[in-house]
Amino acid sequence: MDATTARAVLAARGWLSRTPAAFRDAVLSASHVRRFSSGETIYAAGDASEGLWGLASGVLGVEVSGPARPPVFAHLTGKGFWIGAHTLVLGPERQVGLVALTPCHLLHLSAAAFHAIARRDPEAWRWLSVLPLMQNTLAFGVLDDLLIRDPKRRCAAILLRLAGCRGPFAGDSPEEVFVTQEVLAELVNLSRTSVGDVLRDFEARGLISRRYGRIAINHNQLTALVSPQ
């Protein structure tokens, strides 16, 4: 994917599509495209990696870690996802990690480039603040999904979120999830075997269809399953 195509994708999806054209164009023109291979780490939690990253193609895994456990995936992102606003305010240390789960193309806007934009247009800080608000909403959605006690409803809710059908990035991804059973088990907080049982039940009921590494969802039926009874 060339820079022109990557910029067009990110102009039409996600955070930047919700900002004024002049700010959007300034960010995109100052950003540079980077390609990452499947399995490659963009950065780990705690790394000093400054600036904004926007996903133009592929799937990223967002990793979180704690003092007593290794990193686990909390969310998978689709096209239009941006991250890194806090590094422009608080410094370069990253709070989460990003891993390419498929080949990915990202745009990177350095801190220096953003600050140059903000010097020309102080309103840039206003539009930057939209991004952490969206991400906070997403984070609360992740927590809310994990608090669903019934494993089938929890799995359905998380599949809907990953497919871009729930949360602040709804509509920014197709209704298909690129995820292995192993990664989905991490996201749902179930064993791989238990997730396999849930997915087989969903498939038998016509809620999903599976191919290797991807799950197509029946949006309306999964939403009905998640809705309070």
C-alpha atoms as a PDB file:
ATOM      1  CA  MET A   1       0.000   0.000   0.000  1.00  0.00           C
ATOM      2  CA  ASP A   2       1.430   3.384  -0.971  1.00  0.00           C
ATOM      3  CA  ALA A   3       1.185   6.525   1.141  1.00  0.00           C
ATOM      4  CA  THR A   4      -1.588   8.043  -0.996  1.00  0.00           C
ATOM      5  CA  THR A   5      -3.834   5.014  -0.510  1.00  0.00           C
ATOM      6  CA  ALA A   6      -3.054   4.793   3.215  1.00  0.00           C
ATOM      7  CA  ARG A   7      -3.918   8.457   3.685  1.00  0.00           C
ATOM      8  CA  ALA A   8      -7.201   8.026   1.788  1.00  0.00           C
ATOM      9  CA  VAL A   9      -8.211   5.122   4.040  1.00  0.00           C
ATOM     10  CA  LEU A  10      -7.472   7.042   7.231  1.00  0.00           C
ATOM     11  CA  ALA A  11      -9.185  10.190   5.961  1.00  0.00           C
ATOM     12  CA  ALA A  12     -12.407   8.222   5.532  1.00  0.00           C
ATOM     13  CA  ARG A  13     -12.364   6.041   8.679  1.00  0.00           C
ATOM     14  CA  GLY A  14     -11.977   6.452  12.395  1.00  0.00           C
ATOM     15  CA  TRP A  15     -10.750   9.422  14.422  1.00  0.00           C
ATOM     16  CA  LEU A  16      -9.514  11.637  11.583  1.00  0.00           C
ATOM     17  CA  SER A  17     -12.790  11.338   9.681  1.00  0.00           C
ATOM     18  CA  ARG A  18     -14.410  13.113  12.654  1.00  0.00           C
ATOM     19  CA  THR A  19     -12.090  16.147  12.487  1.00  0.00           C
ATOM     20  CA  PRO A  20     -12.087  19.245  10.237  1.00  0.00           C
ATOM     21  CA  ALA A  21     -10.605  18.861   6.773  1.00  0.00           C
ATOM     22  CA  ALA A  22      -7.745  21.310   7.355  1.00  0.00           C
ATOM     23  CA  PHE A  23      -6.536  19.480  10.478  1.00  0.00           C
ATOM     24  CA  ARG A  24      -7.046  16.084   8.849  1.00  0.00           C
ATOM     25  CA  ASP A  25      -5.043  17.072   5.781  1.00  0.00           C
ATOM     26  CA  ALA A  26      -2.232  18.508   7.916  1.00  0.00           C
ATOM     27  CA  VAL A  27      -1.916  15.271   9.916  1.00  0.00           C
ATOM     28  CA  LEU A  28      -2.009  13.044   6.851  1.00  0.00           C
ATOM     29  CA  SER A  29       0.487  15.073   4.841  1.00  0.00           C
ATOM     30  CA  ALA A  30       2.997  15.016   7.740  1.00  0.00           C
ATOM     31  CA  SER A  31       2.619  11.255   8.357  1.00  0.00           C
ATOM     32  CA  HIS A  32       4.776   8.522   6.856  1.00  0.00           C
ATOM     33  CA  VAL A  33       3.701   5.009   5.897  1.00  0.00           C
ATOM     34  CA  ARG A  34       5.309   2.000   7.597  1.00  0.00           C
ATOM     35  CA  ARG A  35       4.806  -1.679   6.775  1.00  0.00           C
ATOM     36  CA  PHE A  36       4.914  -4.425   9.418  1.00  0.00           C
ATOM     37  CA  SER A  37       4.929  -8.180   8.882  1.00  0.00           C
ATOM     38  CA  SER A  38       2.564 -10.599  10.603  1.00  0.00           C
ATOM     39  CA  GLY A  39       3.770 -11.232  14.157  1.00  0.00           C
ATOM     40  CA  GLU A  40       5.945  -8.128  14.273  1.00  0.00           C
ATOM     41  CA  THR A  41       5.772  -5.870  17.331  1.00  0.00           C
ATOM     42  CA  ILE A  42       5.171  -2.202  16.601  1.00  0.00           C
ATOM     43  CA  TYR A  43       5.993  -1.370  20.223  1.00  0.00           C
ATOM     44  CA  ALA A  44       5.613  -2.986  23.649  1.00  0.00           C
ATOM     45  CA  ALA A  45       4.095  -1.533  26.805  1.00  0.00           C
ATOM     46  CA  GLY A  46       6.703   0.641  28.483  1.00  0.00           C
ATOM     47  CA  ASP A  47       8.611   1.350  25.270  1.00  0.00           C
ATOM     48  CA  ALA A  48       9.640   4.913  24.490  1.00  0.00           C
ATOM     49  CA  SER A  49       7.911   5.250  21.116  1.00  0.00           C
ATOM     50  CA  GLU A  50       6.488   8.707  20.540  1.00  0.00           C
ATOM     51  CA  GLY A  51       3.858  10.048  18.193  1.00  0.00           C
ATOM     52  CA  LEU A  52       0.622   8.833  16.655  1.00  0.00           C
ATOM     53  CA  TRP A  53       0.069   5.597  14.763  1.00  0.00           C
ATOM     54  CA  GLY A  54      -2.895   5.022  12.424  1.00  0.00           C
ATOM     55  CA  LEU A  55      -3.835   1.662  10.916  1.00  0.00           C
ATOM     56  CA  ALA A  56      -4.545   1.760   7.173  1.00  0.00           C
ATOM     57  CA  SER A  57      -4.613  -1.992   6.459  1.00  0.00           C
ATOM     58  CA  GLY A  58      -4.425  -5.252   8.370  1.00  0.00           C
ATOM     59  CA  VAL A  59      -5.236  -6.211  11.954  1.00  0.00           C
ATOM     60  CA  LEU A  60      -3.426  -5.104  15.118  1.00  0.00           C
ATOM     61  CA  GLY A  61      -3.569  -6.744  18.529  1.00  0.00           C
ATOM     62  CA  VAL A  62      -3.591  -4.384  21.499  1.00  0.00           C
ATOM     63  CA  GLU A  63      -1.692  -5.949  24.414  1.00  0.00           C
ATOM     64  CA  VAL A  64      -2.020  -5.086  28.094  1.00  0.00           C
ATOM     65  CA  SER A  65       0.189  -6.380  30.878  1.00  0.00           C
ATOM     66  CA  GLY A  66       0.217  -6.412  34.655  1.00  0.00           C
ATOM     67  CA  PRO A  67       2.852  -6.776  37.347  1.00  0.00           C
ATOM     68  CA  ALA A  68       2.154 -10.486  37.856  1.00  0.00           C
ATOM     69  CA  ARG A  69       1.424 -11.725  34.329  1.00  0.00           C
ATOM     70  CA  PRO A  70       2.745 -11.539  30.778  1.00  0.00           C
ATOM     71  CA  PRO A  71       1.024  -9.409  28.114  1.00  0.00           C
ATOM     72  CA  VAL A  72      -2.357 -10.586  26.834  1.00  0.00           C
ATOM     73  CA  PHE A  73      -4.533  -9.278  24.033  1.00  0.00           C
ATOM     74  CA  ALA A  74      -7.368  -6.979  25.124  1.00  0.00           C
ATOM     75  CA  HIS A  75      -8.624  -5.870  21.716  1.00  0.00           C
ATOM     76  CA  LEU A  76      -8.060  -6.279  17.979  1.00  0.00           C
ATOM     77  CA  THR A  77      -8.231  -3.219  15.747  1.00  0.00           C
ATOM     78  CA  GLY A  78      -9.361  -2.622  12.203  1.00  0.00           C
ATOM     79  CA  LYS A  79      -8.702   0.105   9.670  1.00  0.00           C
ATOM     80  CA  GLY A  80      -9.157   3.631  10.971  1.00  0.00           C
ATOM     81  CA  PHE A  81      -7.736   2.955  14.436  1.00  0.00           C
ATOM     82  CA  TRP A  82      -5.315   5.558  15.852  1.00  0.00           C
ATOM     83  CA  ILE A  83      -3.334   5.469  19.081  1.00  0.00           C
ATOM     84  CA  GLY A  84      -0.693   7.548  20.859  1.00  0.00           C
ATOM     85  CA  ALA A  85      -2.315  10.837  21.855  1.00  0.00           C
ATOM     86  CA  HIS A  86      -1.084  10.553  25.438  1.00  0.00           C
ATOM     87  CA  THR A  87       2.555  10.429  24.241  1.00  0.00           C
ATOM     88  CA  LEU A  88       2.124  13.942  22.854  1.00  0.00           C
ATOM     89  CA  VAL A  89       1.065  15.223  26.278  1.00  0.00           C
ATOM     90  CA  LEU A  90       2.697  13.044  28.921  1.00  0.00           C
ATOM     91  CA  GLY A  91       5.815  11.719  27.197  1.00  0.00           C
ATOM     92  CA  PRO A  92       6.901   8.779  25.070  1.00  0.00           C
ATOM     93  CA  GLU A  93       6.363   5.777  27.376  1.00  0.00           C
ATOM     94  CA  ARG A  94       3.653   3.533  25.965  1.00  0.00           C
ATOM     95  CA  GLN A  95       0.849   2.227  28.197  1.00  0.00           C
ATOM     96  CA  VAL A  96      -0.076  -0.705  25.930  1.00  0.00           C
ATOM     97  CA  GLY A  97       1.642  -2.749  23.229  1.00  0.00           C
ATOM     98  CA  LEU A  98       0.762  -3.202  19.550  1.00  0.00           C
ATOM     99  CA  VAL A  99       1.419  -6.375  17.550  1.00  0.00           C
ATOM    100  CA  ALA A 100       0.694  -6.933  13.847  1.00  0.00           C
ATOM    101  CA  LEU A 101      -1.537 -10.020  13.623  1.00  0.00           C
ATOM    102  CA  THR A 102      -1.547  -9.794   9.819  1.00  0.00           C
ATOM    103  CA  PRO A 103       0.649  -7.778   7.448  1.00  0.00           C
ATOM    104  CA  CYS A 104      -0.153  -4.150   8.266  1.00  0.00           C
ATOM    105  CA  HIS A 105       0.368  -0.686   6.866  1.00  0.00           C
ATOM    106  CA  LEU A 106       0.385   2.161   9.377  1.00  0.00           C
ATOM    107  CA  LEU A 107       0.883   5.901   9.176  1.00  0.00           C
ATOM    108  CA  HIS A 108       3.195   7.405  11.788  1.00  0.00           C
ATOM    109  CA  LEU A 109       3.032  11.059  12.837  1.00  0.00           C
ATOM    110  CA  SER A 110       6.003  12.036  14.980  1.00  0.00           C
ATOM    111  CA  ALA A 111       5.631  14.215  18.063  1.00  0.00           C
ATOM    112  CA  ALA A 112       7.713  16.914  16.387  1.00  0.00           C
ATOM    113  CA  ALA A 113       5.394  16.916  13.362  1.00  0.00           C
ATOM    114  CA  PHE A 114       2.278  17.197  15.513  1.00  0.00           C
ATOM    115  CA  HIS A 115       3.738  20.040  17.557  1.00  0.00           C
ATOM    116  CA  ALA A 116       4.556  21.872  14.329  1.00  0.00           C
ATOM    117  CA  ILE A 117       0.904  21.510  13.288  1.00  0.00           C
ATOM    118  CA  ALA A 118      -0.231  22.760  16.712  1.00  0.00           C
ATOM    119  CA  ARG A 119       2.014  25.818  16.524  1.00  0.00           C
ATOM    120  CA  ARG A 120       0.334  26.801  13.274  1.00  0.00           C
ATOM    121  CA  ASP A 121      -3.154  25.935  14.541  1.00  0.00           C
ATOM    122  CA  PRO A 122      -3.703  25.736  18.330  1.00  0.00           C
ATOM    123  CA  GLU A 123      -7.112  24.150  17.630  1.00  0.00           C
ATOM    124  CA  ALA A 124      -5.113  21.007  16.837  1.00  0.00           C
ATOM    125  CA  TRP A 125      -5.098  20.209  20.571  1.00  0.00           C
ATOM    126  CA  ARG A 126      -8.893  20.245  20.554  1.00  0.00           C
ATOM    127  CA  TRP A 127      -9.075  17.734  17.738  1.00  0.00           C
ATOM    128  CA  LEU A 128      -6.364  15.586  19.272  1.00  0.00           C
ATOM    129  CA  SER A 129      -8.451  15.362  22.472  1.00  0.00           C
ATOM    130  CA  VAL A 130     -11.185  13.556  20.538  1.00  0.00           C
ATOM    131  CA  LEU A 131      -8.920  10.514  20.176  1.00  0.00           C
ATOM    132  CA  PRO A 132      -8.406   9.656  23.885  1.00  0.00           C
ATOM    133  CA  LEU A 133     -12.128  10.220  24.483  1.00  0.00           C
ATOM    134  CA  MET A 134     -12.902   7.604  21.830  1.00  0.00           C
ATOM    135  CA  GLN A 135     -10.306   5.256  23.277  1.00  0.00           C
ATOM    136  CA  ASN A 136     -11.637   5.667  26.814  1.00  0.00           C
ATOM    137  CA  THR A 137     -15.077   4.722  25.536  1.00  0.00           C
ATOM    138  CA  LEU A 138     -13.543   1.695  23.853  1.00  0.00           C
ATOM    139  CA  ALA A 139     -11.688   0.716  27.043  1.00  0.00           C
ATOM    140  CA  PHE A 140     -14.878   0.882  29.084  1.00  0.00           C
ATOM    141  CA  GLY A 141     -16.560  -1.233  26.408  1.00  0.00           C
ATOM    142  CA  VAL A 142     -13.829  -3.858  26.732  1.00  0.00           C
ATOM    143  CA  LEU A 143     -14.338  -3.917  30.504  1.00  0.00           C
ATOM    144  CA  ASP A 144     -18.113  -4.058  30.150  1.00  0.00           C
ATOM    145  CA  ASP A 145     -17.874  -7.015  27.756  1.00  0.00           C
ATOM    146  CA  LEU A 146     -15.629  -8.942  30.157  1.00  0.00           C
ATOM    147  CA  LEU A 147     -18.137  -8.414  32.984  1.00  0.00           C
ATOM    148  CA  ILE A 148     -20.806 -10.378  31.094  1.00  0.00           C
ATOM    149  CA  ARG A 149     -21.029 -13.576  33.100  1.00  0.00           C
ATOM    150  CA  ASP A 150     -22.607 -15.868  30.519  1.00  0.00           C
ATOM    151  CA  PRO A 151     -19.745 -17.101  28.281  1.00  0.00           C
ATOM    152  CA  LYS A 152     -21.882 -17.256  25.121  1.00  0.00           C
ATOM    153  CA  ARG A 153     -23.198 -13.715  25.538  1.00  0.00           C
ATOM    154  CA  ARG A 154     -19.672 -12.526  26.409  1.00  0.00           C
ATOM    155  CA  CYS A 155     -18.246 -14.163  23.293  1.00  0.00           C
ATOM    156  CA  ALA A 156     -21.018 -12.688  21.122  1.00  0.00           C
ATOM    157  CA  ALA A 157     -20.416  -9.180  22.527  1.00  0.00           C
ATOM    158  CA  ILE A 158     -16.677  -9.382  21.891  1.00  0.00           C
ATOM    159  CA  LEU A 159     -17.141 -10.698  18.351  1.00  0.00           C
ATOM    160  CA  LEU A 160     -19.448  -7.761  17.620  1.00  0.00           C
ATOM    161  CA  ARG A 161     -16.894  -5.302  18.976  1.00  0.00           C
ATOM    162  CA  LEU A 162     -14.048  -6.864  16.995  1.00  0.00           C
ATOM    163  CA  ALA A 163     -16.158  -6.747  13.840  1.00  0.00           C
ATOM    164  CA  GLY A 164     -16.684  -3.006  14.231  1.00  0.00           C
ATOM    165  CA  CYS A 165     -20.340  -3.270  15.231  1.00  0.00           C
ATOM    166  CA  ARG A 166     -20.064  -1.895  18.782  1.00  0.00           C
ATOM    167  CA  GLY A 167     -18.276   0.994  20.442  1.00  0.00           C
ATOM    168  CA  PRO A 168     -16.803   4.313  19.265  1.00  0.00           C
ATOM    169  CA  PHE A 169     -15.194   2.732  16.176  1.00  0.00           C
ATOM    170  CA  ALA A 170     -18.423   1.068  15.014  1.00  0.00           C
ATOM    171  CA  GLY A 171     -18.596   1.037  11.242  1.00  0.00           C
ATOM    172  CA  ASP A 172     -14.836   1.354  10.837  1.00  0.00           C
ATOM    173  CA  SER A 173     -14.353  -2.360  10.132  1.00  0.00           C
ATOM    174  CA  PRO A 174     -16.167  -4.961   8.037  1.00  0.00           C
ATOM    175  CA  GLU A 175     -18.488  -7.425   9.752  1.00  0.00           C
ATOM    176  CA  GLU A 176     -15.786 -10.088   9.635  1.00  0.00           C
ATOM    177  CA  VAL A 177     -13.275 -10.825  12.345  1.00  0.00           C
ATOM    178  CA  PHE A 178      -9.703 -11.863  11.534  1.00  0.00           C
ATOM    179  CA  VAL A 179      -8.858 -13.833  14.667  1.00  0.00           C
ATOM    180  CA  THR A 180      -7.598 -17.276  15.601  1.00  0.00           C
ATOM    181  CA  GLN A 181      -9.351 -19.380  18.208  1.00  0.00           C
ATOM    182  CA  GLU A 182      -6.320 -19.020  20.481  1.00  0.00           C
ATOM    183  CA  VAL A 183      -6.380 -15.217  20.388  1.00  0.00           C
ATOM    184  CA  LEU A 184     -10.165 -15.119  20.788  1.00  0.00           C
ATOM    185  CA  ALA A 185      -9.814 -17.277  23.904  1.00  0.00           C
ATOM    186  CA  GLU A 186      -7.524 -14.597  25.401  1.00  0.00           C
ATOM    187  CA  LEU A 187      -9.979 -11.848  24.534  1.00  0.00           C
ATOM    188  CA  VAL A 188     -12.977 -13.706  25.961  1.00  0.00           C
ATOM    189  CA  ASN A 189     -11.055 -14.974  29.015  1.00  0.00           C
ATOM    190  CA  LEU A 190     -11.956 -18.604  28.376  1.00  0.00           C
ATOM    191  CA  SER A 191      -9.952 -21.689  27.566  1.00  0.00           C
ATOM    192  CA  ARG A 192      -9.333 -22.479  23.907  1.00  0.00           C
ATOM    193  CA  THR A 193     -11.520 -25.585  24.262  1.00  0.00           C
ATOM    194  CA  SER A 194     -14.404 -23.615  25.786  1.00  0.00           C
ATOM    195  CA  VAL A 195     -14.235 -21.001  23.033  1.00  0.00           C
ATOM    196  CA  GLY A 196     -14.251 -23.784  20.451  1.00  0.00           C
ATOM    197  CA  ASP A 197     -17.446 -25.178  21.972  1.00  0.00           C
ATOM    198  CA  VAL A 198     -19.097 -21.748  21.871  1.00  0.00           C
ATOM    199  CA  LEU A 199     -18.091 -21.146  18.251  1.00  0.00           C
ATOM    200  CA  ARG A 200     -19.394 -24.551  17.147  1.00  0.00           C
ATOM    201  CA  ASP A 201     -22.712 -23.765  18.821  1.00  0.00           C
ATOM    202  CA  PHE A 202     -22.851 -20.343  17.125  1.00  0.00           C
ATOM    203  CA  GLU A 203     -22.089 -21.883  13.748  1.00  0.00           C
ATOM    204  CA  ALA A 204     -24.758 -24.560  14.151  1.00  0.00           C
ATOM    205  CA  ARG A 205     -27.304 -21.807  14.930  1.00  0.00           C
ATOM    206  CA  GLY A 206     -26.276 -19.690  11.937  1.00  0.00           C
ATOM    207  CA  LEU A 207     -24.823 -16.874  14.053  1.00  0.00           C
ATOM    208  CA  ILE A 208     -21.380 -17.100  12.463  1.00  0.00           C
ATOM    209  CA  SER A 209     -19.495 -18.853   9.674  1.00  0.00           C
ATOM    210  CA  ARG A 210     -15.818 -19.735   9.979  1.00  0.00           C
ATOM    211  CA  ARG A 211     -12.809 -20.032   7.732  1.00  0.00           C
ATOM    212  CA  TYR A 212      -9.247 -20.429   8.891  1.00  0.00           C
ATOM    213  CA  GLY A 213      -8.268 -17.369  10.902  1.00  0.00           C
ATOM    214  CA  ARG A 214     -11.490 -15.458  10.294  1.00  0.00           C
ATOM    215  CA  ILE A 215     -15.111 -15.397  11.444  1.00  0.00           C
ATOM    216  CA  ALA A 216     -18.002 -13.826   9.525  1.00  0.00           C
ATOM    217  CA  ILE A 217     -20.812 -12.780  11.840  1.00  0.00           C
ATOM    218  CA  ASN A 218     -24.582 -12.503  11.600  1.00  0.00           C
ATOM    219  CA  HIS A 219     -24.815  -9.032  13.087  1.00  0.00           C
ATOM    220  CA  ASN A 220     -28.532  -8.963  13.914  1.00  0.00           C
ATOM    221  CA  GLN A 221     -28.676 -12.386  15.541  1.00  0.00           C
ATOM    222  CA  LEU A 222     -25.522 -11.854  17.607  1.00  0.00           C
ATOM    223  CA  THR A 223     -26.841  -8.470  18.747  1.00  0.00           C
ATOM    224  CA  ALA A 224     -30.107 -10.103  19.830  1.00  0.00           C
ATOM    225  CA  LEU A 225     -28.134 -12.657  21.824  1.00  0.00           C
ATOM    226  CA  VAL A 226     -26.172  -9.929  23.634  1.00  0.00           C
ATOM    227  CA  SER A 227     -29.199  -7.749  24.376  1.00  0.00           C
ATOM    228  CA  PRO A 228     -30.621  -8.053  27.912  1.00  0.00           C
ATOM    229  CA  GLN A 229     -33.180 -10.803  28.168  1.00  0.00           C
END
